[in-house]
């Protein structure tokens, strides 16, 4: 999977996590402007959690996609997740 394909997958999966959170709370039909800060934070946490799971899987499956040591999706994601 290319970096662009993975980015598209991660974006779709994060959006699905947000939709599932909203649907689970009966809020899917309401405009986002009526959500409380706590609800927005919970929704964002679900999206971030999904991204972390996908990133961990990619690190596991493709630790070094590049011939250049220290680069590639696995290395970049590891640095991002570790801060």
Protein backbone atom coordinates (compact mmCIF):
# COMPACT_ATOMS: atom_id res chain seq x y z
CA UNK A 1 0.00 0.00 0.00
CA UNK A 2 1.40 3.39 -0.94
CA UNK A 3 1.61 6.27 1.53
CA UNK A 4 -1.28 8.01 -0.26
CA UNK A 5 -3.44 4.89 -0.13
CA UNK A 6 -2.69 4.45 3.56
CA UNK A 7 -3.51 8.10 4.27
CA UNK A 8 -6.86 7.70 2.48
CA UNK A 9 -7.57 4.53 4.47
CA UNK A 10 -6.69 6.20 7.77
CA UNK A 11 -8.92 9.18 6.93
CA UNK A 12 -11.87 6.93 6.03
CA UNK A 13 -11.43 4.83 9.15
CA UNK A 14 -11.22 7.91 11.40
CA UNK A 15 -14.38 9.27 9.79
CA UNK A 16 -16.11 5.94 10.39
CA UNK A 17 -15.06 6.05 14.06
CA UNK A 18 -16.58 9.52 14.39
CA UNK A 19 -19.79 8.36 12.69
CA UNK A 20 -20.01 5.30 14.93
CA UNK A 21 -19.55 7.45 18.01
CA UNK A 22 -22.26 9.87 16.89
CA UNK A 23 -24.61 7.07 15.89
CA UNK A 24 -24.07 5.28 19.20
CA UNK A 25 -25.19 8.37 21.08
CA UNK A 26 -28.16 9.14 18.87
CA UNK A 27 -26.53 12.34 17.62
CA UNK A 28 -25.94 11.51 13.96
CA UNK A 29 -28.88 13.64 12.80
CA UNK A 30 -27.89 16.79 14.73
CA UNK A 31 -25.60 19.55 13.46
CA UNK A 32 -22.12 19.45 14.95
CA UNK A 33 -22.63 22.93 16.42
CA UNK A 34 -25.01 21.52 19.06
CA UNK A 35 -22.43 19.12 20.48
CA UNK A 36 -20.80 19.99 23.79
CA UNK A 37 -17.06 20.33 24.20
CA UNK A 38 -16.97 17.00 26.05
CA UNK A 39 -18.80 15.33 23.16
CA UNK A 40 -16.43 16.84 20.60
CA UNK A 41 -13.45 15.69 22.65
CA UNK A 42 -14.86 12.14 22.89
CA UNK A 43 -15.52 12.09 19.16
CA UNK A 44 -11.97 13.26 18.44
CA UNK A 45 -10.56 10.68 20.88
CA UNK A 46 -12.33 7.91 18.94
CA UNK A 47 -10.85 9.13 15.66
CA UNK A 48 -7.35 9.42 17.16
CA UNK A 49 -7.63 5.96 18.73
CA UNK A 50 -8.53 4.47 15.36
CA UNK A 51 -5.56 6.22 13.74
CA UNK A 52 -3.21 4.88 16.44
CA UNK A 53 -4.45 1.32 15.86
CA UNK A 54 -3.95 1.65 12.09
CA UNK A 55 -0.51 3.23 12.57
CA UNK A 56 0.58 0.46 14.95
CA UNK A 57 -0.50 -2.15 12.41
CA UNK A 58 1.40 -0.39 9.64
CA UNK A 59 4.52 -0.15 11.81
CA UNK A 60 4.25 -3.86 12.51
CA UNK A 61 3.61 -4.82 8.89
CA UNK A 62 5.93 -2.37 7.12
CA UNK A 63 8.68 -1.22 9.48
CA UNK A 64 11.10 -0.25 6.68
CA UNK A 65 9.55 0.28 3.25
CA UNK A 66 12.52 2.32 2.09
CA UNK A 67 16.08 1.24 1.36
CA UNK A 68 17.26 4.34 3.23
CA UNK A 69 17.75 3.33 6.90
CA UNK A 70 15.66 5.30 9.33
CA UNK A 71 12.99 6.24 6.84
CA UNK A 72 9.82 4.73 5.49
CA UNK A 73 6.27 4.68 6.81
CA UNK A 74 7.09 2.54 9.82
CA UNK A 75 9.86 4.85 11.00
CA UNK A 76 7.88 8.03 10.35
CA UNK A 77 4.81 6.71 12.18
CA UNK A 78 6.93 5.48 15.08
CA UNK A 79 8.43 8.96 15.48
CA UNK A 80 4.96 10.53 15.24
CA UNK A 81 3.43 8.22 17.84
CA UNK A 82 6.35 8.50 20.24
CA UNK A 83 6.39 12.30 19.96
